[in-house]
PDB file of N, CA and C in Angstrom:
ATOM      1  N   MET A   1       1.166 -18.858 -35.852  1.00  0.00           N
ATOM      2  CA  MET A   1       0.170 -18.894 -35.623  1.00  0.00           C
ATOM      3  C   MET A   1      -0.808 -17.596 -35.297  1.00  0.00           C
ATOM      4  N   LYS A   2      -2.025 -17.816 -35.834  1.00  0.00           N
ATOM      5  CA  LYS A   2      -2.755 -16.445 -35.646  1.00  0.00           C
ATOM      6  C   LYS A   2      -3.368 -16.304 -34.181  1.00  0.00           C
ATOM      7  N   TRP A   3      -3.416 -14.999 -34.066  1.00  0.00           N
ATOM      8  CA  TRP A   3      -3.570 -14.512 -32.637  1.00  0.00           C
ATOM      9  C   TRP A   3      -5.246 -14.975 -32.046  1.00  0.00           C
ATOM     10  N   TRP A   4      -5.614 -14.965 -32.871  1.00  0.00           N
ATOM     11  CA  TRP A   4      -7.392 -15.060 -32.590  1.00  0.00           C
ATOM     12  C   TRP A   4      -7.139 -16.793 -31.831  1.00  0.00           C
ATOM     13  N   THR A   5      -6.163 -17.723 -32.749  1.00  0.00           N
ATOM     14  CA  THR A   5      -6.044 -19.320 -32.528  1.00  0.00           C
ATOM     15  C   THR A   5      -5.387 -19.352 -31.159  1.00  0.00           C
ATOM     16  N   THR A   6      -4.998 -18.498 -30.908  1.00  0.00           N
ATOM     17  CA  THR A   6      -3.685 -18.589 -29.837  1.00  0.00           C
ATOM     18  C   THR A   6      -5.005 -18.082 -28.227  1.00  0.00           C
ATOM     19  N   LEU A   7      -5.627 -16.768 -28.531  1.00  0.00           N
ATOM     20  CA  LEU A   7      -6.560 -16.654 -27.663  1.00  0.00           C
ATOM     21  C   LEU A   7      -7.692 -17.683 -27.407  1.00  0.00           C
ATOM     22  N   GLY A   8      -8.146 -18.128 -28.592  1.00  0.00           N
ATOM     23  CA  GLY A   8      -9.098 -19.572 -28.384  1.00  0.00           C
ATOM     24  C   GLY A   8      -8.428 -20.869 -27.908  1.00  0.00           C
ATOM     25  N   ILE A   9      -7.443 -21.131 -27.653  1.00  0.00           N
ATOM     26  CA  ILE A   9      -6.811 -22.074 -26.866  1.00  0.00           C
ATOM     27  C   ILE A   9      -6.988 -21.558 -25.681  1.00  0.00           C
ATOM     28  N   ASP A  10      -6.339 -20.283 -25.141  1.00  0.00           N
ATOM     29  CA  ASP A  10      -6.141 -19.544 -23.871  1.00  0.00           C
ATOM     30  C   ASP A  10      -7.460 -19.897 -23.592  1.00  0.00           C
ATOM     31  N   LEU A  11      -8.849 -19.441 -23.856  1.00  0.00           N
ATOM     32  CA  LEU A  11     -10.225 -19.406 -23.431  1.00  0.00           C
ATOM     33  C   LEU A  11     -10.430 -20.870 -23.132  1.00  0.00           C
ATOM     34  N   LEU A  12     -10.210 -21.901 -23.998  1.00  0.00           N
ATOM     35  CA  LEU A  12     -10.896 -23.111 -23.496  1.00  0.00           C
ATOM     36  C   LEU A  12      -9.905 -23.549 -22.253  1.00  0.00           C
ATOM     37  N   VAL A  13      -8.638 -23.280 -22.339  1.00  0.00           N
ATOM     38  CA  VAL A  13      -8.255 -23.431 -21.095  1.00  0.00           C
ATOM     39  C   VAL A  13      -8.861 -22.910 -20.151  1.00  0.00           C
ATOM     40  N   VAL A  14      -9.145 -21.604 -19.842  1.00  0.00           N
ATOM     41  CA  VAL A  14      -9.947 -20.933 -18.967  1.00  0.00           C
ATOM     42  C   VAL A  14     -11.249 -21.548 -18.542  1.00  0.00           C
ATOM     43  N   LEU A  15     -11.989 -22.157 -19.633  1.00  0.00           N
ATOM     44  CA  LEU A  15     -13.229 -22.710 -19.343  1.00  0.00           C
ATOM     45  C   LEU A  15     -12.999 -24.074 -18.639  1.00  0.00           C
ATOM     46  N   VAL A  16     -12.190 -24.763 -19.003  1.00  0.00           N
ATOM     47  CA  VAL A  16     -11.781 -25.936 -18.335  1.00  0.00           C
ATOM     48  C   VAL A  16     -11.240 -25.992 -16.595  1.00  0.00           C
ATOM     49  N   PHE A  17     -10.512 -24.782 -16.721  1.00  0.00           N
ATOM     50  CA  PHE A  17     -10.113 -24.472 -15.045  1.00  0.00           C
ATOM     51  C   PHE A  17     -11.271 -24.426 -14.289  1.00  0.00           C
ATOM     52  N   ALA A  18     -12.245 -23.403 -14.952  1.00  0.00           N
ATOM     53  CA  ALA A  18     -13.650 -22.849 -13.964  1.00  0.00           C
ATOM     54  C   ALA A  18     -14.411 -24.243 -14.114  1.00  0.00           C
ATOM     55  N   THR A  19     -14.791 -25.142 -15.132  1.00  0.00           N
ATOM     56  CA  THR A  19     -15.240 -26.172 -14.801  1.00  0.00           C
ATOM     57  C   THR A  19     -15.058 -27.075 -14.188  1.00  0.00           C
ATOM     58  N   VAL A  20     -13.702 -27.938 -13.862  1.00  0.00           N
ATOM     59  CA  VAL A  20     -13.523 -28.170 -13.240  1.00  0.00           C
ATOM     60  C   VAL A  20     -13.071 -27.798 -11.733  1.00  0.00           C
ATOM     61  N   GLY A  21     -12.768 -26.546 -11.578  1.00  0.00           N
ATOM     62  CA  GLY A  21     -13.165 -26.420 -10.309  1.00  0.00           C
ATOM     63  C   GLY A  21     -14.748 -26.321  -9.779  1.00  0.00           C
ATOM     64  N   ARG A  22     -15.468 -25.853 -10.367  1.00  0.00           N
ATOM     65  CA  ARG A  22     -16.998 -25.854  -9.979  1.00  0.00           C
ATOM     66  C   ARG A  22     -17.388 -27.490  -9.793  1.00  0.00           C
ATOM     67  N   LEU A  23     -16.703 -28.386 -10.574  1.00  0.00           N
ATOM     68  CA  LEU A  23     -16.948 -29.500 -10.344  1.00  0.00           C
ATOM     69  C   LEU A  23     -16.734 -30.196  -9.173  1.00  0.00           C
ATOM     70  N   SER A  24     -15.298 -29.844  -8.840  1.00  0.00           N
ATOM     71  CA  SER A  24     -14.447 -30.316  -7.530  1.00  0.00           C
ATOM     72  C   SER A  24     -15.256 -29.817  -6.409  1.00  0.00           C
ATOM     73  N   HIS A  25     -15.834 -28.628  -6.283  1.00  0.00           N
ATOM     74  CA  HIS A  25     -16.582 -28.227  -5.006  1.00  0.00           C
ATOM     75  C   HIS A  25     -18.466 -28.457  -5.159  1.00  0.00           C
ATOM     76  N   ALA A  26     -18.348 -29.720  -6.086  1.00  0.00           N
ATOM     77  CA  ALA A  26     -19.883 -30.203  -6.192  1.00  0.00           C
ATOM     78  C   ALA A  26     -20.904 -28.653  -6.409  1.00  0.00           C
ATOM     79  N   GLU A  27     -20.243 -28.057  -7.573  1.00  0.00           N
ATOM     80  CA  GLU A  27     -21.339 -26.901  -7.901  1.00  0.00           C
ATOM     81  C   GLU A  27     -21.911 -27.010  -9.214  1.00  0.00           C
ATOM     82  N   GLY A  28     -21.325 -28.125  -9.771  1.00  0.00           N
ATOM     83  CA  GLY A  28     -22.135 -28.404 -10.904  1.00  0.00           C
ATOM     84  C   GLY A  28     -21.558 -27.770 -11.975  1.00  0.00           C
ATOM     85  N   ALA A  29     -21.813 -28.165 -13.608  1.00  0.00           N
ATOM     86  CA  ALA A  29     -20.956 -27.546 -14.565  1.00  0.00           C
ATOM     87  C   ALA A  29     -22.110 -27.064 -15.745  1.00  0.00           C
ATOM     88  N   ALA A  30     -22.969 -26.566 -14.977  1.00  0.00           N
ATOM     89  CA  ALA A  30     -24.087 -25.771 -16.023  1.00  0.00           C
ATOM     90  C   ALA A  30     -23.282 -24.638 -16.593  1.00  0.00           C
ATOM     91  N   LEU A  31     -23.553 -24.391 -17.744  1.00  0.00           N
ATOM     92  CA  LEU A  31     -23.110 -23.101 -18.602  1.00  0.00           C
ATOM     93  C   LEU A  31     -23.005 -21.882 -17.590  1.00  0.00           C
ATOM     94  N   LEU A  32     -23.997 -21.412 -17.159  1.00  0.00           N
ATOM     95  CA  LEU A  32     -24.414 -20.264 -16.493  1.00  0.00           C
ATOM     96  C   LEU A  32     -23.264 -20.177 -15.553  1.00  0.00           C
ATOM     97  N   GLY A  33     -23.217 -21.418 -14.778  1.00  0.00           N
ATOM     98  CA  GLY A  33     -22.108 -21.572 -13.258  1.00  0.00           C
ATOM     99  C   GLY A  33     -21.262 -20.961 -13.711  1.00  0.00           C
ATOM    100  N   VAL A  34     -20.361 -21.883 -14.874  1.00  0.00           N
ATOM    101  CA  VAL A  34     -19.020 -21.661 -15.591  1.00  0.00           C
ATOM    102  C   VAL A  34     -18.832 -20.302 -15.964  1.00  0.00           C
ATOM    103  N   VAL A  35     -19.660 -19.874 -16.545  1.00  0.00           N
ATOM    104  CA  VAL A  35     -19.572 -18.570 -16.944  1.00  0.00           C
ATOM    105  C   VAL A  35     -19.434 -17.539 -15.720  1.00  0.00           C
ATOM    106  N   VAL A  36     -19.770 -17.808 -14.412  1.00  0.00           N
ATOM    107  CA  VAL A  36     -20.002 -16.847 -13.836  1.00  0.00           C
ATOM    108  C   VAL A  36     -18.575 -17.138 -12.992  1.00  0.00           C
ATOM    109  N   THR A  37     -18.050 -18.103 -12.732  1.00  0.00           N
ATOM    110  CA  THR A  37     -17.039 -18.682 -12.083  1.00  0.00           C
ATOM    111  C   THR A  37     -15.856 -18.048 -13.454  1.00  0.00           C
ATOM    112  N   ALA A  38     -15.891 -18.488 -14.528  1.00  0.00           N
ATOM    113  CA  ALA A  38     -14.829 -17.896 -15.049  1.00  0.00           C
ATOM    114  C   ALA A  38     -14.457 -16.730 -15.755  1.00  0.00           C
ATOM    115  N   TRP A  39     -15.709 -16.076 -15.641  1.00  0.00           N
ATOM    116  CA  TRP A  39     -15.647 -14.256 -16.189  1.00  0.00           C
ATOM    117  C   TRP A  39     -14.288 -13.824 -16.066  1.00  0.00           C
ATOM    118  N   PRO A  40     -13.784 -13.413 -14.794  1.00  0.00           N
ATOM    119  CA  PRO A  40     -12.662 -12.532 -14.283  1.00  0.00           C
ATOM    120  C   PRO A  40     -11.525 -12.951 -15.011  1.00  0.00           C
ATOM    121  N   PHE A  41     -11.307 -14.266 -15.269  1.00  0.00           N
ATOM    122  CA  PHE A  41     -10.346 -14.885 -15.923  1.00  0.00           C
ATOM    123  C   PHE A  41     -10.105 -14.940 -17.728  1.00  0.00           C
ATOM    124  N   VAL A  42     -11.153 -14.836 -17.779  1.00  0.00           N
ATOM    125  CA  VAL A  42     -11.916 -14.615 -19.280  1.00  0.00           C
ATOM    126  C   VAL A  42     -11.191 -12.831 -19.712  1.00  0.00           C
ATOM    127  N   VAL A  43     -12.057 -12.096 -19.030  1.00  0.00           N
ATOM    128  CA  VAL A  43     -11.666 -10.628 -19.002  1.00  0.00           C
ATOM    129  C   VAL A  43     -10.113 -10.659 -18.809  1.00  0.00           C
ATOM    130  N   ALA A  44      -9.388 -11.189 -17.792  1.00  0.00           N
ATOM    131  CA  ALA A  44      -7.884 -11.058 -17.771  1.00  0.00           C
ATOM    132  C   ALA A  44      -7.345 -11.597 -19.298  1.00  0.00           C
ATOM    133  N   LEU A  45      -7.592 -12.825 -19.536  1.00  0.00           N
ATOM    134  CA  LEU A  45      -7.080 -13.069 -21.013  1.00  0.00           C
ATOM    135  C   LEU A  45      -7.176 -12.264 -21.805  1.00  0.00           C
ATOM    136  N   ALA A  46      -8.171 -11.588 -21.937  1.00  0.00           N
ATOM    137  CA  ALA A  46      -8.415 -10.707 -23.152  1.00  0.00           C
ATOM    138  C   ALA A  46      -7.825  -9.572 -23.086  1.00  0.00           C
ATOM    139  N   ALA A  47      -7.477  -9.143 -21.705  1.00  0.00           N
ATOM    140  CA  ALA A  47      -6.748  -7.755 -21.457  1.00  0.00           C
ATOM    141  C   ALA A  47      -4.891  -8.135 -21.715  1.00  0.00           C
ATOM    142  N   ALA A  48      -4.754  -8.807 -21.522  1.00  0.00           N
ATOM    143  CA  ALA A  48      -3.398  -9.411 -21.682  1.00  0.00           C
ATOM    144  C   ALA A  48      -3.020  -9.691 -23.120  1.00  0.00           C
ATOM    145  N   THR A  49      -3.791 -10.529 -23.712  1.00  0.00           N
ATOM    146  CA  THR A  49      -3.595 -10.851 -24.945  1.00  0.00           C
ATOM    147  C   THR A  49      -3.914  -9.468 -25.815  1.00  0.00           C
ATOM    148  N   ILE A  50      -4.934  -8.505 -25.446  1.00  0.00           N
ATOM    149  CA  ILE A  50      -4.922  -7.217 -25.828  1.00  0.00           C
ATOM    150  C   ILE A  50      -3.630  -6.499 -26.021  1.00  0.00           C
ATOM    151  N   ALA A  51      -2.929  -6.435 -24.618  1.00  0.00           N
ATOM    152  CA  ALA A  51      -1.796  -6.158 -24.203  1.00  0.00           C
ATOM    153  C   ALA A  51      -0.521  -6.431 -25.736  1.00  0.00           C
ATOM    154  N   LEU A  52      -0.429  -7.645 -25.705  1.00  0.00           N
ATOM    155  CA  LEU A  52       0.431  -8.194 -26.793  1.00  0.00           C
ATOM    156  C   LEU A  52       0.417  -7.579 -28.162  1.00  0.00           C
ATOM    157  N   LEU A  53      -0.977  -7.844 -28.417  1.00  0.00           N
ATOM    158  CA  LEU A  53      -1.284  -7.120 -29.512  1.00  0.00           C
ATOM    159  C   LEU A  53      -0.713  -5.464 -29.760  1.00  0.00           C
ATOM    160  N   ALA A  54      -1.290  -5.091 -28.788  1.00  0.00           N
ATOM    161  CA  ALA A  54      -0.059  -3.859 -28.835  1.00  0.00           C
ATOM    162  C   ALA A  54       0.913  -3.342 -29.026  1.00  0.00           C
ATOM    163  N   MET A  55       1.555  -4.076 -28.260  1.00  0.00           N
ATOM    164  CA  MET A  55       3.194  -4.011 -28.129  1.00  0.00           C
ATOM    165  C   MET A  55       3.823  -4.788 -29.592  1.00  0.00           C
ATOM    166  N   HIS A  56       2.731  -5.149 -30.272  1.00  0.00           N
ATOM    167  CA  HIS A  56       3.071  -5.865 -31.495  1.00  0.00           C
ATOM    168  C   HIS A  56       3.842  -7.628 -31.376  1.00  0.00           C
ATOM    169  N   ARG A  57       3.551  -8.445 -29.917  1.00  0.00           N
ATOM    170  CA  ARG A  57       3.927  -9.339 -30.016  1.00  0.00           C
ATOM    171  C   ARG A  57       3.308 -10.541 -29.662  1.00  0.00           C
ATOM    172  N   PRO A  58       3.612 -11.432 -30.361  1.00  0.00           N
ATOM    173  CA  PRO A  58       2.574 -12.980 -30.694  1.00  0.00           C
ATOM    174  C   PRO A  58       2.310 -13.294 -29.385  1.00  0.00           C
ATOM    175  N   ALA A  59       1.087 -13.724 -29.348  1.00  0.00           N
ATOM    176  CA  ALA A  59       0.783 -14.360 -28.097  1.00  0.00           C
ATOM    177  C   ALA A  59       1.194 -16.122 -27.912  1.00  0.00           C
ATOM    178  N   TYR A  60       1.400 -16.273 -28.972  1.00  0.00           N
ATOM    179  CA  TYR A  60       1.861 -17.952 -29.575  1.00  0.00           C
ATOM    180  C   TYR A  60       3.189 -18.455 -28.446  1.00  0.00           C
ATOM    181  N   THR A  61       4.048 -17.378 -28.513  1.00  0.00           N
ATOM    182  CA  THR A  61       5.260 -17.818 -28.013  1.00  0.00           C
ATOM    183  C   THR A  61       5.414 -18.062 -26.516  1.00  0.00           C
ATOM    184  N   LEU A  62       6.341 -18.736 -26.270  1.00  0.00           N
ATOM    185  CA  LEU A  62       6.592 -19.080 -24.724  1.00  0.00           C
ATOM    186  C   LEU A  62       6.489 -17.827 -23.698  1.00  0.00           C
ATOM    187  N   ARG A  63       7.439 -17.201 -23.908  1.00  0.00           N
ATOM    188  CA  ARG A  63       8.040 -15.973 -23.334  1.00  0.00           C
ATOM    189  C   ARG A  63       6.472 -15.116 -23.401  1.00  0.00           C
ATOM    190  N   ASN A  64       5.860 -14.736 -24.454  1.00  0.00           N
ATOM    191  CA  ASN A  64       4.682 -14.072 -24.160  1.00  0.00           C
ATOM    192  C   ASN A  64       3.546 -15.277 -23.450  1.00  0.00           C
ATOM    193  N   GLY A  65       3.775 -16.312 -23.336  1.00  0.00           N
ATOM    194  CA  GLY A  65       2.798 -17.002 -22.851  1.00  0.00           C
ATOM    195  C   GLY A  65       3.050 -16.928 -21.294  1.00  0.00           C
ATOM    196  N   VAL A  66       3.792 -16.728 -20.695  1.00  0.00           N
ATOM    197  CA  VAL A  66       4.164 -16.412 -19.318  1.00  0.00           C
ATOM    198  C   VAL A  66       3.736 -15.461 -19.356  1.00  0.00           C
ATOM    199  N   PHE A  67       3.595 -14.126 -19.943  1.00  0.00           N
ATOM    200  CA  PHE A  67       2.974 -12.884 -19.936  1.00  0.00           C
ATOM    201  C   PHE A  67       1.341 -12.862 -19.673  1.00  0.00           C
ATOM    202  N   VAL A  68       0.986 -14.093 -20.699  1.00  0.00           N
ATOM    203  CA  VAL A  68      -0.532 -14.004 -20.744  1.00  0.00           C
ATOM    204  C   VAL A  68      -0.661 -14.672 -19.625  1.00  0.00           C
ATOM    205  N   TRP A  69      -0.305 -15.834 -19.129  1.00  0.00           N
ATOM    206  CA  TRP A  69      -0.440 -16.575 -17.883  1.00  0.00           C
ATOM    207  C   TRP A  69      -0.693 -16.049 -16.634  1.00  0.00           C
ATOM    208  N   LEU A  70       0.541 -14.795 -16.734  1.00  0.00           N
ATOM    209  CA  LEU A  70       0.385 -14.052 -14.990  1.00  0.00           C
ATOM    210  C   LEU A  70      -0.465 -13.272 -15.641  1.00  0.00           C
ATOM    211  N   GLY A  71      -1.069 -12.407 -16.276  1.00  0.00           N
ATOM    212  CA  GLY A  71      -1.643 -11.789 -16.798  1.00  0.00           C
ATOM    213  C   GLY A  71      -2.889 -12.171 -16.468  1.00  0.00           C
ATOM    214  N   THR A  72      -3.519 -13.144 -16.727  1.00  0.00           N
ATOM    215  CA  THR A  72      -4.738 -13.939 -16.482  1.00  0.00           C
ATOM    216  C   THR A  72      -4.764 -14.513 -15.088  1.00  0.00           C
ATOM    217  N   LEU A  73      -3.794 -14.864 -14.215  1.00  0.00           N
ATOM    218  CA  LEU A  73      -3.602 -15.066 -13.199  1.00  0.00           C
ATOM    219  C   LEU A  73      -4.229 -13.875 -12.375  1.00  0.00           C
ATOM    220  N   VAL A  74      -3.238 -12.942 -12.193  1.00  0.00           N
ATOM    221  CA  VAL A  74      -3.040 -11.754 -11.135  1.00  0.00           C
ATOM    222  C   VAL A  74      -4.299 -10.960 -11.487  1.00  0.00           C
ATOM    223  N   VAL A  75      -4.697 -10.455 -12.737  1.00  0.00           N
ATOM    224  CA  VAL A  75      -6.014  -9.709 -13.123  1.00  0.00           C
ATOM    225  C   VAL A  75      -6.983 -10.374 -12.748  1.00  0.00           C
ATOM    226  N   GLY A  76      -7.277 -11.551 -13.180  1.00  0.00           N
ATOM    227  CA  GLY A  76      -8.503 -12.459 -12.626  1.00  0.00           C
ATOM    228  C   GLY A  76      -8.430 -12.878 -11.172  1.00  0.00           C
ATOM    229  N   MET A  77      -7.724 -12.840 -10.510  1.00  0.00           N
ATOM    230  CA  MET A  77      -7.813 -12.727  -9.127  1.00  0.00           C
ATOM    231  C   MET A  77      -8.115 -11.420  -8.512  1.00  0.00           C
ATOM    232  N   LEU A  78      -7.864 -10.377  -9.234  1.00  0.00           N
ATOM    233  CA  LEU A  78      -7.975  -8.908  -8.522  1.00  0.00           C
ATOM    234  C   LEU A  78      -9.618  -8.779  -8.934  1.00  0.00           C
ATOM    235  N   LEU A  79      -9.869  -9.186 -10.108  1.00  0.00           N
ATOM    236  CA  LEU A  79     -11.252  -8.702 -10.357  1.00  0.00           C
ATOM    237  C   LEU A  79     -12.255  -9.494  -9.357  1.00  0.00           C
ATOM    238  N   ARG A  80     -11.792 -10.944  -9.464  1.00  0.00           N
ATOM    239  CA  ARG A  80     -12.643 -11.688  -8.212  1.00  0.00           C
ATOM    240  C   ARG A  80     -13.170 -10.835  -6.887  1.00  0.00           C
ATOM    241  N   VAL A  81     -11.536 -10.517  -6.258  1.00  0.00           N
ATOM    242  CA  VAL A  81     -11.396  -9.398  -5.262  1.00  0.00           C
ATOM    243  C   VAL A  81     -12.360  -8.778  -5.047  1.00  0.00           C
ATOM    244  N   GLY A  82     -12.271  -7.704  -6.142  1.00  0.00           N
ATOM    245  CA  GLY A  82     -12.928  -6.367  -6.704  1.00  0.00           C
ATOM    246  C   GLY A  82     -14.374  -6.659  -6.709  1.00  0.00           C
ATOM    247  N   THR A  83     -14.743  -7.421  -7.025  1.00  0.00           N
ATOM    248  CA  THR A  83     -16.513  -8.150  -7.392  1.00  0.00           C
ATOM    249  C   THR A  83     -16.772  -8.670  -5.872  1.00  0.00           C
ATOM    250  N   GLY A  84     -15.890  -9.093  -4.729  1.00  0.00           N
ATOM    251  CA  GLY A  84     -16.483  -9.539  -3.877  1.00  0.00           C
ATOM    252  C   GLY A  84     -16.477 -11.601  -3.879  1.00  0.00           C
ATOM    253  N   GLY A  85     -15.815 -11.978  -4.878  1.00  0.00           N
ATOM    254  CA  GLY A  85     -15.485 -13.045  -4.991  1.00  0.00           C
ATOM    255  C   GLY A  85     -14.372 -13.948  -3.786  1.00  0.00           C
ATOM    256  N   GLY A  86     -14.202 -14.818  -3.754  1.00  0.00           N
ATOM    257  CA  GLY A  86     -13.674 -15.139  -2.826  1.00  0.00           C
ATOM    258  C   GLY A  86     -12.109 -15.976  -3.282  1.00  0.00           C
ATOM    259  N   VAL A  87     -11.321 -15.736  -2.440  1.00  0.00           N
ATOM    260  CA  VAL A  87     -10.067 -16.025  -3.186  1.00  0.00           C
ATOM    261  C   VAL A  87      -9.019 -16.119  -1.761  1.00  0.00           C
ATOM    262  N   GLN A  88      -9.120 -17.417  -1.547  1.00  0.00           N
ATOM    263  CA  GLN A  88      -8.344 -18.047  -0.437  1.00  0.00           C
ATOM    264  C   GLN A  88      -6.601 -18.242  -1.111  1.00  0.00           C
ATOM    265  N   PRO A  89      -5.395 -18.511  -0.589  1.00  0.00           N
ATOM    266  CA  PRO A  89      -4.337 -18.346  -0.790  1.00  0.00           C
ATOM    267  C   PRO A  89      -4.197 -20.356  -1.706  1.00  0.00           C
ATOM    268  N   SER A  90      -4.857 -21.152  -1.332  1.00  0.00           N
ATOM    269  CA  SER A  90      -4.898 -22.163  -1.869  1.00  0.00           C
ATOM    270  C   SER A  90      -5.569 -22.331  -3.319  1.00  0.00           C
ATOM    271  N   PHE A  91      -6.643 -21.168  -3.441  1.00  0.00           N
ATOM    272  CA  PHE A  91      -7.227 -21.630  -4.987  1.00  0.00           C
ATOM    273  C   PHE A  91      -6.186 -20.405  -5.828  1.00  0.00           C
ATOM    274  N   VAL A  92      -5.288 -19.683  -5.210  1.00  0.00           N
ATOM    275  CA  VAL A  92      -4.434 -19.241  -6.449  1.00  0.00           C
ATOM    276  C   VAL A  92      -3.060 -19.854  -6.691  1.00  0.00           C
ATOM    277  N   VAL A  93      -2.615 -20.559  -5.525  1.00  0.00           N
ATOM    278  CA  VAL A  93      -1.863 -21.928  -5.906  1.00  0.00           C
ATOM    279  C   VAL A  93      -2.482 -22.548  -6.913  1.00  0.00           C
ATOM    280  N   VAL A  94      -3.556 -23.328  -6.401  1.00  0.00           N
ATOM    281  CA  VAL A  94      -3.925 -24.279  -7.797  1.00  0.00           C
ATOM    282  C   VAL A  94      -4.124 -23.539  -9.054  1.00  0.00           C
ATOM    283  N   ALA A  95      -5.073 -22.211  -8.924  1.00  0.00           N
ATOM    284  CA  ALA A  95      -4.816 -21.586 -10.519  1.00  0.00           C
ATOM    285  C   ALA A  95      -3.703 -21.169 -10.685  1.00  0.00           C
ATOM    286  N   GLY A  96      -2.845 -20.765 -10.472  1.00  0.00           N
ATOM    287  CA  GLY A  96      -1.357 -20.427 -10.908  1.00  0.00           C
ATOM    288  C   GLY A  96      -0.902 -21.897 -11.527  1.00  0.00           C
ATOM    289  N   ILE A  97      -0.655 -22.768 -10.722  1.00  0.00           N
ATOM    290  CA  ILE A  97      -0.389 -24.216 -11.037  1.00  0.00           C
ATOM    291  C   ILE A  97      -1.037 -24.557 -12.457  1.00  0.00           C
ATOM    292  N   PHE A  98      -2.359 -24.976 -12.445  1.00  0.00           N
ATOM    293  CA  PHE A  98      -3.408 -25.196 -13.358  1.00  0.00           C
ATOM    294  C   PHE A  98      -3.038 -24.066 -14.759  1.00  0.00           C
ATOM    295  N   LEU A  99      -3.060 -23.240 -14.295  1.00  0.00           N
ATOM    296  CA  LEU A  99      -3.083 -22.078 -15.662  1.00  0.00           C
ATOM    297  C   LEU A  99      -1.472 -22.109 -16.285  1.00  0.00           C
ATOM    298  N   ALA A 100      -0.464 -22.310 -15.842  1.00  0.00           N
ATOM    299  CA  ALA A 100       0.549 -22.590 -16.090  1.00  0.00           C
ATOM    300  C   ALA A 100       0.760 -23.395 -16.357  1.00  0.00           C
ATOM    301  N   LEU A 101       0.405 -24.691 -16.309  1.00  0.00           N
ATOM    302  CA  LEU A 101       0.843 -26.315 -17.152  1.00  0.00           C
ATOM    303  C   LEU A 101      -0.108 -26.052 -18.215  1.00  0.00           C
ATOM    304  N   THR A 102      -1.470 -25.458 -18.648  1.00  0.00           N
ATOM    305  CA  THR A 102      -2.115 -25.542 -19.476  1.00  0.00           C
ATOM    306  C   THR A 102      -1.859 -24.767 -20.527  1.00  0.00           C
ATOM    307  N   MET A 103      -1.280 -23.132 -20.095  1.00  0.00           N
ATOM    308  CA  MET A 103      -1.324 -22.196 -20.938  1.00  0.00           C
ATOM    309  C   MET A 103       0.145 -22.334 -21.528  1.00  0.00           C
ATOM    310  N   LEU A 104       1.217 -22.753 -20.732  1.00  0.00           N
ATOM    311  CA  LEU A 104       2.858 -22.491 -20.991  1.00  0.00           C
ATOM    312  C   LEU A 104       2.432 -24.036 -21.793  1.00  0.00           C
ATOM    313  N   GLY A 105       2.534 -25.217 -21.372  1.00  0.00           N
ATOM    314  CA  GLY A 105       2.193 -26.139 -22.014  1.00  0.00           C
ATOM    315  C   GLY A 105       1.579 -26.738 -23.564  1.00  0.00           C
ATOM    316  N   TRP A 106       0.445 -26.174 -23.756  1.00  0.00           N
ATOM    317  CA  TRP A 106       0.443 -26.151 -25.106  1.00  0.00           C
ATOM    318  C   TRP A 106       1.182 -25.643 -26.109  1.00  0.00           C
ATOM    319  N   ARG A 107       1.930 -24.205 -25.723  1.00  0.00           N
ATOM    320  CA  ARG A 107       2.454 -23.367 -26.313  1.00  0.00           C
ATOM    321  C   ARG A 107       4.091 -24.242 -26.250  1.00  0.00           C
ATOM    322  N   LEU A 108       4.641 -24.821 -25.660  1.00  0.00           N
ATOM    323  CA  LEU A 108       5.900 -26.120 -25.525  1.00  0.00           C
ATOM    324  C   LEU A 108       5.669 -27.194 -26.665  1.00  0.00           C
ATOM    325  N   LEU A 109       4.341 -27.710 -26.399  1.00  0.00           N
ATOM    326  CA  LEU A 109       4.031 -28.962 -27.423  1.00  0.00           C
ATOM    327  C   LEU A 109       3.770 -28.000 -28.650  1.00  0.00           C
ATOM    328  N   ALA A 110       3.461 -26.756 -29.039  1.00  0.00           N
ATOM    329  CA  ALA A 110       3.380 -26.117 -30.357  1.00  0.00           C
ATOM    330  C   ALA A 110       4.797 -26.021 -30.729  1.00  0.00           C
ATOM    331  N   ARG A 111       5.123 -25.639 -29.951  1.00  0.00           N
ATOM    332  CA  ARG A 111       7.122 -24.875 -30.610  1.00  0.00           C
ATOM    333  C   ARG A 111       7.510 -26.550 -30.743  1.00  0.00           C
ATOM    334  N   ARG A 112       7.503 -27.449 -30.268  1.00  0.00           N
ATOM    335  CA  ARG A 112       8.237 -28.619 -30.490  1.00  0.00           C
ATOM    336  C   ARG A 112       7.531 -29.352 -32.034  1.00  0.00           C
ATOM    337  N   ARG A 113       6.470 -28.956 -32.085  1.00  0.00           N
ATOM    338  CA  ARG A 113       5.706 -29.409 -33.427  1.00  0.00           C
ATOM    339  C   ARG A 113       6.372 -28.668 -34.568  1.00  0.00           C
ATOM    340  N   ILE A 114       6.463 -27.220 -34.256  1.00  0.00           N
ATOM    341  CA  ILE A 114       6.669 -26.758 -35.433  1.00  0.00           C
ATOM    342  C   ILE A 114       8.411 -26.541 -35.449  1.00  0.00           C
ATOM    343  N   ALA A 115       8.922 -26.890 -34.471  1.00  0.00           N
ATOM    344  CA  ALA A 115      10.742 -27.311 -34.894  1.00  0.00           C
ATOM    345  C   ALA A 115      10.624 -28.544 -35.317  1.00  0.00           C
ATOM    346  N   ARG A 116       9.657 -29.677 -35.119  1.00  0.00           N
ATOM    347  CA  ARG A 116      10.310 -30.885 -36.127  1.00  0.00           C
ATOM    348  C   ARG A 116       9.825 -30.873 -37.294  1.00  0.00           C
ATOM    349  N   THR A 117       8.688 -30.067 -37.796  1.00  0.00           N
ATOM    350  CA  THR A 117       8.041 -29.839 -39.281  1.00  0.00           C
ATOM    351  C   THR A 117       8.887 -28.877 -39.906  1.00  0.00           C
ATOM    352  N   ALA A 118       9.968 -27.799 -39.262  1.00  0.00           N
ATOM    353  CA  ALA A 118      10.758 -27.079 -39.938  1.00  0.00           C
ATOM    354  C   ALA A 118      12.084 -27.686 -40.675  1.00  0.00           C
TER     355      ALA A 118
END
C-alpha cells in the first residue's frame, strides 16, 4: 500500500472525527468549521506520517498505525492546548478511542484482506 493511500484514509478518519464531534455538540458540519476543528489533528497526522517515511517504515502496518494514532492524538491535543483550544479529559478519552478504533481498525481489516488474497 502506498503511503499517500494510508495518509488519505487516515485523513478521512480525522475529518469524520471532527465532523461527528461538531455535530454531537450542535456546532454544524460547515466545511470551515470542520477544518478549524480538525487542523491540529491533520497537522499531527502529517507529522507522524512524515516521521515514519523518514524512518523508512510503512504507515499501513498495525504496529506503525499505533505510532500514527498516538502521534495524531498527542500532538493534536498539544496543538489544541497551545492555540487556546479546549481539551477536557473526556475529550481526550473519546478522541483516543475513536481514533484508535478507526485508524487501527482499517489497518486490521486491510491486513486480513491481504492475508486472504495471499
